Amino acid sequence: MARSAANSDAFNAVAEPRRREILNYLVMQERSVSEIVEAMELEQPSISKHLKVLKGVGLVAARRDGRQMLYKVNPMAIRPLHDWTSTFERLWKDQLLRIKQRAEGNNATKE
């Protein structure tokens, strides 16, 4: 099955680790491209390409402030990612609870 382009949806966009790093960096504060370049230790053209993908799927918003472009996370666009991963969080919590119950049950029979 052919893989969708990174700019087709949020899930494909965050499949790339650098884009996830950029989102993590932007999560608490709006940042300029130069700040992102410095923090990520990548060349500006690479950061710009990643930001273009993230903006294209709506995960980040941009605004111009003089000569700078400032980027911030779009929380509403992140929501579907959060909702989807929450499904697996519940699964793992349930699995860990079962493991704990089995371990405690085995320990109780040995005492």
PDB file of N, CA and C in Angstrom:
ATOM      1  N   MET A   1       0.846  -1.175   0.000  1.00  0.00           N
ATOM      2  CA  MET A   1       0.000   0.000   0.000  1.00  0.00           C
ATOM      3  C   MET A   1       0.892   1.239   0.000  1.00  0.00           C
ATOM      4  N   ALA A   2       0.618   2.185  -0.870  1.00  0.00           N
ATOM      5  CA  ALA A   2       1.417   3.405  -0.971  1.00  0.00           C
ATOM      6  C   ALA A   2       1.178   4.289   0.244  1.00  0.00           C
ATOM      7  N   ARG A   3       2.236   4.907   0.691  1.00  0.00           N
ATOM      8  CA  ARG A   3       2.146   5.796   1.841  1.00  0.00           C
ATOM      9  C   ARG A   3       1.732   7.188   1.384  1.00  0.00           C
ATOM     10  N   SER A   4       0.870   7.827   2.154  1.00  0.00           N
ATOM     11  CA  SER A   4       0.409   9.168   1.815  1.00  0.00           C
ATOM     12  C   SER A   4       1.529  10.171   1.987  1.00  0.00           C
ATOM     13  N   ALA A   5       1.433  11.251   1.263  1.00  0.00           N
ATOM     14  CA  ALA A   5       2.404  12.331   1.395  1.00  0.00           C
ATOM     15  C   ALA A   5       2.327  12.917   2.797  1.00  0.00           C
ATOM     16  N   ALA A   6       3.459  13.401   3.283  1.00  0.00           N
ATOM     17  CA  ALA A   6       3.530  13.958   4.630  1.00  0.00           C
ATOM     18  C   ALA A   6       2.589  15.128   4.811  1.00  0.00           C
ATOM     19  N   ASN A   7       2.309  15.833   3.737  1.00  0.00           N
ATOM     20  CA  ASN A   7       1.456  17.018   3.865  1.00  0.00           C
ATOM     21  C   ASN A   7      -0.015  16.720   3.631  1.00  0.00           C
ATOM     22  N   SER A   8      -0.390  15.445   3.651  1.00  0.00           N
ATOM     23  CA  SER A   8      -1.791  15.092   3.412  1.00  0.00           C
ATOM     24  C   SER A   8      -2.628  15.108   4.695  1.00  0.00           C
ATOM     25  N   ASP A   9      -2.032  14.793   5.835  1.00  0.00           N
ATOM     26  CA  ASP A   9      -2.761  14.849   7.104  1.00  0.00           C
ATOM     27  C   ASP A   9      -1.790  14.922   8.273  1.00  0.00           C
ATOM     28  N   ALA A  10      -2.335  15.217   9.428  1.00  0.00           N
ATOM     29  CA  ALA A  10      -1.515  15.417  10.623  1.00  0.00           C
ATOM     30  C   ALA A  10      -0.733  14.165  11.006  1.00  0.00           C
ATOM     31  N   PHE A  11      -1.333  12.997  10.832  1.00  0.00           N
ATOM     32  CA  PHE A  11      -0.665  11.761  11.217  1.00  0.00           C
ATOM     33  C   PHE A  11       0.592  11.532  10.395  1.00  0.00           C
ATOM     34  N   ASN A  12       0.503  11.756   9.097  1.00  0.00           N
ATOM     35  CA  ASN A  12       1.686  11.608   8.249  1.00  0.00           C
ATOM     36  C   ASN A  12       2.717  12.683   8.557  1.00  0.00           C
ATOM     37  N   ALA A  13       2.260  13.875   8.861  1.00  0.00           N
ATOM     38  CA  ALA A  13       3.188  14.973   9.157  1.00  0.00           C
ATOM     39  C   ALA A  13       4.018  14.672  10.403  1.00  0.00           C
ATOM     40  N   VAL A  14       3.394  14.130  11.438  1.00  0.00           N
ATOM     41  CA  VAL A  14       4.136  13.868  12.682  1.00  0.00           C
ATOM     42  C   VAL A  14       4.880  12.536  12.654  1.00  0.00           C
ATOM     43  N   ALA A  15       4.785  11.821  11.564  1.00  0.00           N
ATOM     44  CA  ALA A  15       5.556  10.583  11.438  1.00  0.00           C
ATOM     45  C   ALA A  15       7.057  10.878  11.379  1.00  0.00           C
ATOM     46  N   GLU A  16       7.413  12.087  11.007  1.00  0.00           N
ATOM     47  CA  GLU A  16       8.810  12.487  10.900  1.00  0.00           C
ATOM     48  C   GLU A  16       9.287  13.018  12.261  1.00  0.00           C
ATOM     49  N   PRO A  17      10.324  12.433  12.844  1.00  0.00           N
ATOM     50  CA  PRO A  17      10.771  12.825  14.185  1.00  0.00           C
ATOM     51  C   PRO A  17      11.124  14.306  14.333  1.00  0.00           C
ATOM     52  N   ARG A  18      11.727  14.907  13.340  1.00  0.00           N
ATOM     53  CA  ARG A  18      12.093  16.329  13.448  1.00  0.00           C
ATOM     54  C   ARG A  18      10.857  17.214  13.575  1.00  0.00           C
ATOM     55  N   ARG A  19       9.804  16.849  12.878  1.00  0.00           N
ATOM     56  CA  ARG A  19       8.574  17.643  12.986  1.00  0.00           C
ATOM     57  C   ARG A  19       7.968  17.512  14.377  1.00  0.00           C
ATOM     58  N   ARG A  20       8.075  16.337  14.972  1.00  0.00           N
ATOM     59  CA  ARG A  20       7.599  16.177  16.351  1.00  0.00           C
ATOM     60  C   ARG A  20       8.445  17.020  17.298  1.00  0.00           C
ATOM     61  N   GLU A  21       9.739  17.071  17.069  1.00  0.00           N
ATOM     62  CA  GLU A  21      10.616  17.910  17.891  1.00  0.00           C
ATOM     63  C   GLU A  21      10.224  19.383  17.777  1.00  0.00           C
ATOM     64  N   ILE A  22       9.933  19.814  16.568  1.00  0.00           N
ATOM     65  CA  ILE A  22       9.520  21.202  16.357  1.00  0.00           C
ATOM     66  C   ILE A  22       8.218  21.480  17.098  1.00  0.00           C
ATOM     67  N   LEU A  23       7.261  20.579  16.992  1.00  0.00           N
ATOM     68  CA  LEU A  23       6.001  20.756  17.720  1.00  0.00           C
ATOM     69  C   LEU A  23       6.246  20.832  19.224  1.00  0.00           C
ATOM     70  N   ASN A  24       7.102  19.967  19.740  1.00  0.00           N
ATOM     71  CA  ASN A  24       7.427  20.003  21.169  1.00  0.00           C
ATOM     72  C   ASN A  24       8.027  21.350  21.559  1.00  0.00           C
ATOM     73  N   TYR A  25       8.871  21.870  20.699  1.00  0.00           N
ATOM     74  CA  TYR A  25       9.515  23.153  20.987  1.00  0.00           C
ATOM     75  C   TYR A  25       8.508  24.305  20.961  1.00  0.00           C
ATOM     76  N   LEU A  26       7.517  24.211  20.107  1.00  0.00           N
ATOM     77  CA  LEU A  26       6.534  25.281  19.954  1.00  0.00           C
ATOM     78  C   LEU A  26       5.357  25.171  20.912  1.00  0.00           C
ATOM     79  N   VAL A  27       5.243  24.093  21.633  1.00  0.00           N
ATOM     80  CA  VAL A  27       4.027  23.821  22.387  1.00  0.00           C
ATOM     81  C   VAL A  27       3.697  24.893  23.425  1.00  0.00           C
ATOM     82  N   MET A  28       4.672  25.481  24.061  1.00  0.00           N
ATOM     83  CA  MET A  28       4.395  26.438  25.120  1.00  0.00           C
ATOM     84  C   MET A  28       4.514  27.900  24.701  1.00  0.00           C
ATOM     85  N   GLN A  29       5.140  28.141  23.540  1.00  0.00           N
ATOM     86  CA  GLN A  29       5.425  29.521  23.180  1.00  0.00           C
ATOM     87  C   GLN A  29       5.583  29.682  21.680  1.00  0.00           C
ATOM     88  N   GLU A  30       5.108  30.790  21.186  1.00  0.00           N
ATOM     89  CA  GLU A  30       5.304  31.168  19.790  1.00  0.00           C
ATOM     90  C   GLU A  30       6.796  31.460  19.583  1.00  0.00           C
ATOM     91  N   ARG A  31       7.328  31.007  18.458  1.00  0.00           N
ATOM     92  CA  ARG A  31       8.765  31.164  18.197  1.00  0.00           C
ATOM     93  C   ARG A  31       9.014  31.619  16.764  1.00  0.00           C
ATOM     94  N   SER A  32      10.116  32.320  16.579  1.00  0.00           N
ATOM     95  CA  SER A  32      10.534  32.727  15.238  1.00  0.00           C
ATOM     96  C   SER A  32      11.278  31.572  14.568  1.00  0.00           C
ATOM     97  N   VAL A  33      11.393  31.652  13.261  1.00  0.00           N
ATOM     98  CA  VAL A  33      12.122  30.628  12.522  1.00  0.00           C
ATOM     99  C   VAL A  33      13.560  30.564  13.020  1.00  0.00           C
ATOM    100  N   SER A  34      14.181  31.701  13.263  1.00  0.00           N
ATOM    101  CA  SER A  34      15.582  31.701  13.721  1.00  0.00           C
ATOM    102  C   SER A  34      15.721  31.028  15.088  1.00  0.00           C
ATOM    103  N   GLU A  35      14.748  31.206  15.966  1.00  0.00           N
ATOM    104  CA  GLU A  35      14.783  30.524  17.267  1.00  0.00           C
ATOM    105  C   GLU A  35      14.668  29.008  17.083  1.00  0.00           C
ATOM    106  N   ILE A  36      13.808  28.601  16.177  1.00  0.00           N
ATOM    107  CA  ILE A  36      13.628  27.167  15.916  1.00  0.00           C
ATOM    108  C   ILE A  36      14.901  26.584  15.321  1.00  0.00           C
ATOM    109  N   VAL A  37      15.502  27.293  14.375  1.00  0.00           N
ATOM    110  CA  VAL A  37      16.757  26.846  13.750  1.00  0.00           C
ATOM    111  C   VAL A  37      17.827  26.646  14.818  1.00  0.00           C
ATOM    112  N   GLU A  38      17.962  27.620  15.706  1.00  0.00           N
ATOM    113  CA  GLU A  38      18.980  27.537  16.756  1.00  0.00           C
ATOM    114  C   GLU A  38      18.711  26.374  17.705  1.00  0.00           C
ATOM    115  N   ALA A  39      17.474  26.206  18.107  1.00  0.00           N
ATOM    116  CA  ALA A  39      17.132  25.150  19.056  1.00  0.00           C
ATOM    117  C   ALA A  39      17.279  23.757  18.449  1.00  0.00           C
ATOM    118  N   MET A  40      16.906  23.605  17.188  1.00  0.00           N
ATOM    119  CA  MET A  40      16.932  22.291  16.546  1.00  0.00           C
ATOM    120  C   MET A  40      18.293  21.949  15.953  1.00  0.00           C
ATOM    121  N   GLU A  41      19.164  22.968  15.855  1.00  0.00           N
ATOM    122  CA  GLU A  41      20.499  22.786  15.277  1.00  0.00           C
ATOM    123  C   GLU A  41      20.438  22.201  13.868  1.00  0.00           C
ATOM    124  N   LEU A  42      19.512  22.740  13.086  1.00  0.00           N
ATOM    125  CA  LEU A  42      19.375  22.372  11.671  1.00  0.00           C
ATOM    126  C   LEU A  42      19.506  23.633  10.839  1.00  0.00           C
ATOM    127  N   GLU A  43      19.729  23.442   9.564  1.00  0.00           N
ATOM    128  CA  GLU A  43      19.807  24.579   8.651  1.00  0.00           C
ATOM    129  C   GLU A  43      18.422  25.171   8.437  1.00  0.00           C
ATOM    130  N   GLN A  44      18.360  26.452   8.182  1.00  0.00           N
ATOM    131  CA  GLN A  44      17.097  27.167   7.997  1.00  0.00           C
ATOM    132  C   GLN A  44      16.232  26.563   6.879  1.00  0.00           C
ATOM    133  N   PRO A  45      16.799  26.198   5.720  1.00  0.00           N
ATOM    134  CA  PRO A  45      15.932  25.609   4.683  1.00  0.00           C
ATOM    135  C   PRO A  45      15.234  24.324   5.142  1.00  0.00           C
ATOM    136  N   SER A  46      15.919  23.525   5.937  1.00  0.00           N
ATOM    137  CA  SER A  46      15.325  22.292   6.450  1.00  0.00           C
ATOM    138  C   SER A  46      14.171  22.603   7.408  1.00  0.00           C
ATOM    139  N   ILE A  47      14.399  23.543   8.314  1.00  0.00           N
ATOM    140  CA  ILE A  47      13.346  23.949   9.250  1.00  0.00           C
ATOM    141  C   ILE A  47      12.155  24.508   8.486  1.00  0.00           C
ATOM    142  N   SER A  48      12.419  25.327   7.496  1.00  0.00           N
ATOM    143  CA  SER A  48      11.334  25.924   6.703  1.00  0.00           C
ATOM    144  C   SER A  48      10.498  24.856   6.010  1.00  0.00           C
ATOM    145  N   LYS A  49      11.151  23.811   5.503  1.00  0.00           N
ATOM    146  CA  LYS A  49      10.409  22.718   4.857  1.00  0.00           C
ATOM    147  C   LYS A  49       9.513  22.004   5.867  1.00  0.00           C
ATOM    148  N   HIS A  50      10.053  21.738   7.044  1.00  0.00           N
ATOM    149  CA  HIS A  50       9.257  21.082   8.082  1.00  0.00           C
ATOM    150  C   HIS A  50       8.080  21.969   8.507  1.00  0.00           C
ATOM    151  N   LEU A  51       8.334  23.252   8.684  1.00  0.00           N
ATOM    152  CA  LEU A  51       7.270  24.177   9.071  1.00  0.00           C
ATOM    153  C   LEU A  51       6.194  24.271   7.990  1.00  0.00           C
ATOM    154  N   LYS A  52       6.605  24.208   6.745  1.00  0.00           N
ATOM    155  CA  LYS A  52       5.645  24.253   5.637  1.00  0.00           C
ATOM    156  C   LYS A  52       4.699  23.055   5.709  1.00  0.00           C
ATOM    157  N   VAL A  53       5.244  21.886   5.994  1.00  0.00           N
ATOM    158  CA  VAL A  53       4.415  20.678   6.121  1.00  0.00           C
ATOM    159  C   VAL A  53       3.473  20.817   7.313  1.00  0.00           C
ATOM    160  N   LEU A  54       4.020  21.223   8.457  1.00  0.00           N
ATOM    161  CA  LEU A  54       3.201  21.360   9.666  1.00  0.00           C
ATOM    162  C   LEU A  54       2.100  22.402   9.477  1.00  0.00           C
ATOM    163  N   LYS A  55       2.434  23.481   8.820  1.00  0.00           N
ATOM    164  CA  LYS A  55       1.439  24.520   8.550  1.00  0.00           C
ATOM    165  C   LYS A  55       0.409  24.025   7.530  1.00  0.00           C
ATOM    166  N   GLY A  56       0.865  23.287   6.552  1.00  0.00           N
ATOM    167  CA  GLY A  56      -0.022  22.767   5.509  1.00  0.00           C
ATOM    168  C   GLY A  56      -1.120  21.864   6.033  1.00  0.00           C
ATOM    169  N   VAL A  57      -0.824  21.129   7.087  1.00  0.00           N
ATOM    170  CA  VAL A  57      -1.844  20.246   7.679  1.00  0.00           C
ATOM    171  C   VAL A  57      -2.523  20.907   8.869  1.00  0.00           C
ATOM    172  N   GLY A  58      -2.149  22.142   9.151  1.00  0.00           N
ATOM    173  CA  GLY A  58      -2.819  22.903  10.199  1.00  0.00           C
ATOM    174  C   GLY A  58      -2.290  22.716  11.602  1.00  0.00           C
ATOM    175  N   LEU A  59      -1.199  21.982  11.779  1.00  0.00           N
ATOM    176  CA  LEU A  59      -0.673  21.742  13.121  1.00  0.00           C
ATOM    177  C   LEU A  59      -0.001  22.973  13.715  1.00  0.00           C
ATOM    178  N   VAL A  60       0.476  23.866  12.873  1.00  0.00           N
ATOM    179  CA  VAL A  60       1.020  25.132  13.354  1.00  0.00           C
ATOM    180  C   VAL A  60       0.376  26.276  12.580  1.00  0.00           C
ATOM    181  N   ALA A  61       0.340  27.413  13.232  1.00  0.00           N
ATOM    182  CA  ALA A  61      -0.133  28.644  12.602  1.00  0.00           C
ATOM    183  C   ALA A  61       1.046  29.604  12.549  1.00  0.00           C
ATOM    184  N   ALA A  62       1.026  30.480  11.558  1.00  0.00           N
ATOM    185  CA  ALA A  62       2.113  31.441  11.400  1.00  0.00           C
ATOM    186  C   ALA A  62       1.546  32.841  11.275  1.00  0.00           C
ATOM    187  N   ARG A  63       2.330  33.790  11.764  1.00  0.00           N
ATOM    188  CA  ARG A  63       1.971  35.194  11.578  1.00  0.00           C
ATOM    189  C   ARG A  63       3.242  35.988  11.364  1.00  0.00           C
ATOM    190  N   ARG A  64       3.110  37.034  10.618  1.00  0.00           N
ATOM    191  CA  ARG A  64       4.250  37.891  10.343  1.00  0.00           C
ATOM    192  C   ARG A  64       4.327  38.983  11.401  1.00  0.00           C
ATOM    193  N   ASP A  65       5.539  39.204  11.900  1.00  0.00           N
ATOM    194  CA  ASP A  65       5.807  40.291  12.833  1.00  0.00           C
ATOM    195  C   ASP A  65       7.023  41.035  12.275  1.00  0.00           C
ATOM    196  N   GLY A  66       6.754  42.083  11.516  1.00  0.00           N
ATOM    197  CA  GLY A  66       7.836  42.780  10.831  1.00  0.00           C
ATOM    198  C   GLY A  66       8.435  41.878   9.780  1.00  0.00           C
ATOM    199  N   ARG A  67       9.715  41.615   9.904  1.00  0.00           N
ATOM    200  CA  ARG A  67      10.407  40.752   8.929  1.00  0.00           C
ATOM    201  C   ARG A  67      10.410  39.290   9.348  1.00  0.00           C
ATOM    202  N   GLN A  68       9.959  39.010  10.558  1.00  0.00           N
ATOM    203  CA  GLN A  68       9.984  37.639  11.061  1.00  0.00           C
ATOM    204  C   GLN A  68       8.652  36.933  10.881  1.00  0.00           C
ATOM    205  N   MET A  69       8.741  35.626  10.702  1.00  0.00           N
ATOM    206  CA  MET A  69       7.562  34.766  10.764  1.00  0.00           C
ATOM    207  C   MET A  69       7.599  34.074  12.120  1.00  0.00           C
ATOM    208  N   LEU A  70       6.483  34.151  12.821  1.00  0.00           N
ATOM    209  CA  LEU A  70       6.367  33.505  14.126  1.00  0.00           C
ATOM    210  C   LEU A  70       5.400  32.333  14.010  1.00  0.00           C
ATOM    211  N   TYR A  71       5.778  31.227  14.616  1.00  0.00           N
ATOM    212  CA  TYR A  71       4.984  30.000  14.546  1.00  0.00           C
ATOM    213  C   TYR A  71       4.535  29.577  15.932  1.00  0.00           C
ATOM    214  N   LYS A  72       3.340  29.013  15.986  1.00  0.00           N
ATOM    215  CA  LYS A  72       2.821  28.447  17.237  1.00  0.00           C
ATOM    216  C   LYS A  72       1.985  27.220  16.906  1.00  0.00           C
ATOM    217  N   VAL A  73       1.831  26.367  17.899  1.00  0.00           N
ATOM    218  CA  VAL A  73       1.035  25.142  17.742  1.00  0.00           C
ATOM    219  C   VAL A  73      -0.439  25.515  17.682  1.00  0.00           C
ATOM    220  N   ASN A  74      -1.164  24.818  16.830  1.00  0.00           N
ATOM    221  CA  ASN A  74      -2.616  24.962  16.740  1.00  0.00           C
ATOM    222  C   ASN A  74      -3.228  23.818  17.554  1.00  0.00           C
ATOM    223  N   PRO A  75      -3.645  24.088  18.784  1.00  0.00           N
ATOM    224  CA  PRO A  75      -4.131  23.011  19.659  1.00  0.00           C
ATOM    225  C   PRO A  75      -5.316  22.235  19.096  1.00  0.00           C
ATOM    226  N   MET A  76      -6.182  22.910  18.381  1.00  0.00           N
ATOM    227  CA  MET A  76      -7.360  22.208  17.842  1.00  0.00           C
ATOM    228  C   MET A  76      -6.957  21.180  16.782  1.00  0.00           C
ATOM    229  N   ALA A  77      -5.898  21.445  16.043  1.00  0.00           N
ATOM    230  CA  ALA A  77      -5.435  20.490  15.033  1.00  0.00           C
ATOM    231  C   ALA A  77      -4.718  19.307  15.671  1.00  0.00           C
ATOM    232  N   ILE A  78      -4.182  19.517  16.865  1.00  0.00           N
ATOM    233  CA  ILE A  78      -3.497  18.444  17.600  1.00  0.00           C
ATOM    234  C   ILE A  78      -4.517  17.479  18.202  1.00  0.00           C
ATOM    235  N   ARG A  79      -5.712  17.946  18.437  1.00  0.00           N
ATOM    236  CA  ARG A  79      -6.748  17.158  19.121  1.00  0.00           C
ATOM    237  C   ARG A  79      -6.963  15.761  18.535  1.00  0.00           C
ATOM    238  N   PRO A  80      -7.101  15.617  17.206  1.00  0.00           N
ATOM    239  CA  PRO A  80      -7.294  14.263  16.671  1.00  0.00           C
ATOM    240  C   PRO A  80      -6.128  13.324  16.987  1.00  0.00           C
ATOM    241  N   LEU A  81      -4.920  13.851  17.011  1.00  0.00           N
ATOM    242  CA  LEU A  81      -3.759  13.027  17.371  1.00  0.00           C
ATOM    243  C   LEU A  81      -3.862  12.580  18.826  1.00  0.00           C
ATOM    244  N   HIS A  82      -4.236  13.512  19.682  1.00  0.00           N
ATOM    245  CA  HIS A  82      -4.392  13.204  21.102  1.00  0.00           C
ATOM    246  C   HIS A  82      -5.494  12.164  21.313  1.00  0.00           C
ATOM    247  N   ASP A  83      -6.622  12.373  20.670  1.00  0.00           N
ATOM    248  CA  ASP A  83      -7.741  11.441  20.835  1.00  0.00           C
ATOM    249  C   ASP A  83      -7.356  10.035  20.396  1.00  0.00           C
ATOM    250  N   TRP A  84      -6.655   9.934  19.284  1.00  0.00           N
ATOM    251  CA  TRP A  84      -6.267   8.627  18.760  1.00  0.00           C
ATOM    252  C   TRP A  84      -5.277   7.947  19.700  1.00  0.00           C
ATOM    253  N   THR A  85      -4.250   8.683  20.149  1.00  0.00           N
ATOM    254  CA  THR A  85      -3.268   8.060  21.037  1.00  0.00           C
ATOM    255  C   THR A  85      -3.858   7.737  22.403  1.00  0.00           C
ATOM    256  N   SER A  86      -4.890   8.472  22.821  1.00  0.00           N
ATOM    257  CA  SER A  86      -5.549   8.191  24.104  1.00  0.00           C
ATOM    258  C   SER A  86      -6.165   6.799  24.112  1.00  0.00           C
ATOM    259  N   THR A  87      -6.616   6.346  22.965  1.00  0.00           N
ATOM    260  CA  THR A  87      -7.167   4.992  22.851  1.00  0.00           C
ATOM    261  C   THR A  87      -6.128   3.970  23.291  1.00  0.00           C
ATOM    262  N   PHE A  88      -4.898   4.160  22.856  1.00  0.00           N
ATOM    263  CA  PHE A  88      -3.833   3.222  23.195  1.00  0.00           C
ATOM    264  C   PHE A  88      -3.364   3.402  24.632  1.00  0.00           C
ATOM    265  N   GLU A  89      -3.464   4.607  25.134  1.00  0.00           N
ATOM    266  CA  GLU A  89      -3.127   4.837  26.532  1.00  0.00           C
ATOM    267  C   GLU A  89      -4.054   4.026  27.427  1.00  0.00           C
ATOM    268  N   ARG A  90      -5.349   4.029  27.109  1.00  0.00           N
ATOM    269  CA  ARG A  90      -6.309   3.231  27.896  1.00  0.00           C
ATOM    270  C   ARG A  90      -5.986   1.749  27.786  1.00  0.00           C
ATOM    271  N   LEU A  91      -5.617   1.300  26.599  1.00  0.00           N
ATOM    272  CA  LEU A  91      -5.263  -0.105  26.399  1.00  0.00           C
ATOM    273  C   LEU A  91      -4.080  -0.489  27.286  1.00  0.00           C
ATOM    274  N   TRP A  92      -3.037   0.337  27.285  1.00  0.00           N
ATOM    275  CA  TRP A  92      -1.857   0.014  28.070  1.00  0.00           C
ATOM    276  C   TRP A  92      -2.118   0.099  29.565  1.00  0.00           C
ATOM    277  N   LYS A  93      -2.926   1.043  29.988  1.00  0.00           N
ATOM    278  CA  LYS A  93      -3.272   1.109  31.412  1.00  0.00           C
ATOM    279  C   LYS A  93      -3.980  -0.168  31.841  1.00  0.00           C
ATOM    280  N   ASP A  94      -4.883  -0.655  30.987  1.00  0.00           N
ATOM    281  CA  ASP A  94      -5.603  -1.890  31.277  1.00  0.00           C
ATOM    282  C   ASP A  94      -4.630  -3.071  31.327  1.00  0.00           C
ATOM    283  N   GLN A  95      -3.714  -3.121  30.374  1.00  0.00           N
ATOM    284  CA  GLN A  95      -2.738  -4.207  30.345  1.00  0.00           C
ATOM    285  C   GLN A  95      -1.847  -4.176  31.585  1.00  0.00           C
ATOM    286  N   LEU A  96      -1.394  -2.987  31.971  1.00  0.00           N
ATOM    287  CA  LEU A  96      -0.539  -2.867  33.157  1.00  0.00           C
ATOM    288  C   LEU A  96      -1.294  -3.241  34.433  1.00  0.00           C
ATOM    289  N   LEU A  97      -2.556  -2.884  34.484  1.00  0.00           N
ATOM    290  CA  LEU A  97      -3.367  -3.267  35.645  1.00  0.00           C
ATOM    291  C   LEU A  97      -3.478  -4.788  35.732  1.00  0.00           C
ATOM    292  N   ARG A  98      -3.698  -5.450  34.607  1.00  0.00           N
ATOM    293  CA  ARG A  98      -3.771  -6.922  34.605  1.00  0.00           C
ATOM    294  C   ARG A  98      -2.459  -7.548  35.066  1.00  0.00           C
ATOM    295  N   ILE A  99      -1.346  -7.006  34.584  1.00  0.00           N
ATOM    296  CA  ILE A  99      -0.040  -7.527  34.990  1.00  0.00           C
ATOM    297  C   ILE A  99       0.143  -7.354  36.500  1.00  0.00           C
ATOM    298  N   LYS A 100      -0.216  -6.179  37.000  1.00  0.00           N
ATOM    299  CA  LYS A 100      -0.094  -5.904  38.436  1.00  0.00           C
ATOM    300  C   LYS A 100      -0.951  -6.879  39.232  1.00  0.00           C
ATOM    301  N   GLN A 101      -2.201  -7.096  38.782  1.00  0.00           N
ATOM    302  CA  GLN A 101      -3.097  -7.995  39.491  1.00  0.00           C
ATOM    303  C   GLN A 101      -2.551  -9.420  39.495  1.00  0.00           C
ATOM    304  N   ARG A 102      -2.016  -9.857  38.372  1.00  0.00           N
ATOM    305  CA  ARG A 102      -1.429 -11.211  38.321  1.00  0.00           C
ATOM    306  C   ARG A 102      -0.228 -11.324  39.239  1.00  0.00           C
ATOM    307  N   ALA A 103       0.629 -10.306  39.209  1.00  0.00           N
ATOM    308  CA  ALA A 103       1.827 -10.339  40.062  1.00  0.00           C
ATOM    309  C   ALA A 103       1.439 -10.337  41.530  1.00  0.00           C
ATOM    310  N   GLU A 104       0.497  -9.526  41.904  1.00  0.00           N
ATOM    311  CA  GLU A 104       0.047  -9.489  43.303  1.00  0.00           C
ATOM    312  C   GLU A 104      -0.677 -10.768  43.679  1.00  0.00           C
ATOM    313  N   GLY A 105      -1.400 -11.332  42.730  1.00  0.00           N
ATOM    314  CA  GLY A 105      -2.076 -12.601  42.996  1.00  0.00           C
ATOM    315  C   GLY A 105      -1.086 -13.724  43.205  1.00  0.00           C
ATOM    316  N   ASN A 106      -0.020 -13.752  42.419  1.00  0.00           N
ATOM    317  CA  ASN A 106       1.033 -14.768  42.576  1.00  0.00           C
ATOM    318  C   ASN A 106       1.783 -14.587  43.884  1.00  0.00           C
ATOM    319  N   ASN A 107       2.051 -13.336  44.268  1.00  0.00           N
ATOM    320  CA  ASN A 107       2.740 -13.082  45.529  1.00  0.00           C
ATOM    321  C   ASN A 107       1.879 -13.466  46.709  1.00  0.00           C
ATOM    322  N   ALA A 108       0.565 -13.241  46.604  1.00  0.00           N
ATOM    323  CA  ALA A 108      -0.341 -13.557  47.712  1.00  0.00           C
ATOM    324  C   ALA A 108      -0.390 -15.053  47.973  1.00  0.00           C
ATOM    325  N   THR A 109      -0.292 -15.867  46.929  1.00  0.00           N
ATOM    326  CA  THR A 109      -0.364 -17.313  47.108  1.00  0.00           C
ATOM    327  C   THR A 109       0.942 -17.876  47.675  1.00  0.00           C
ATOM    328  N   LYS A 110       2.049 -17.133  47.519  1.00  0.00           N
ATOM    329  CA  LYS A 110       3.334 -17.618  48.011  1.00  0.00           C
ATOM    330  C   LYS A 110       3.556 -17.273  49.474  1.00  0.00           C
ATOM    331  N   GLU A 111       2.794 -16.309  49.992  1.00  0.00           N
ATOM    332  CA  GLU A 111       3.012 -15.880  51.383  1.00  0.00           C
ATOM    333  C   GLU A 111       2.442 -16.826  52.384  1.00  0.00           C
TER     334      GLU A 111
END
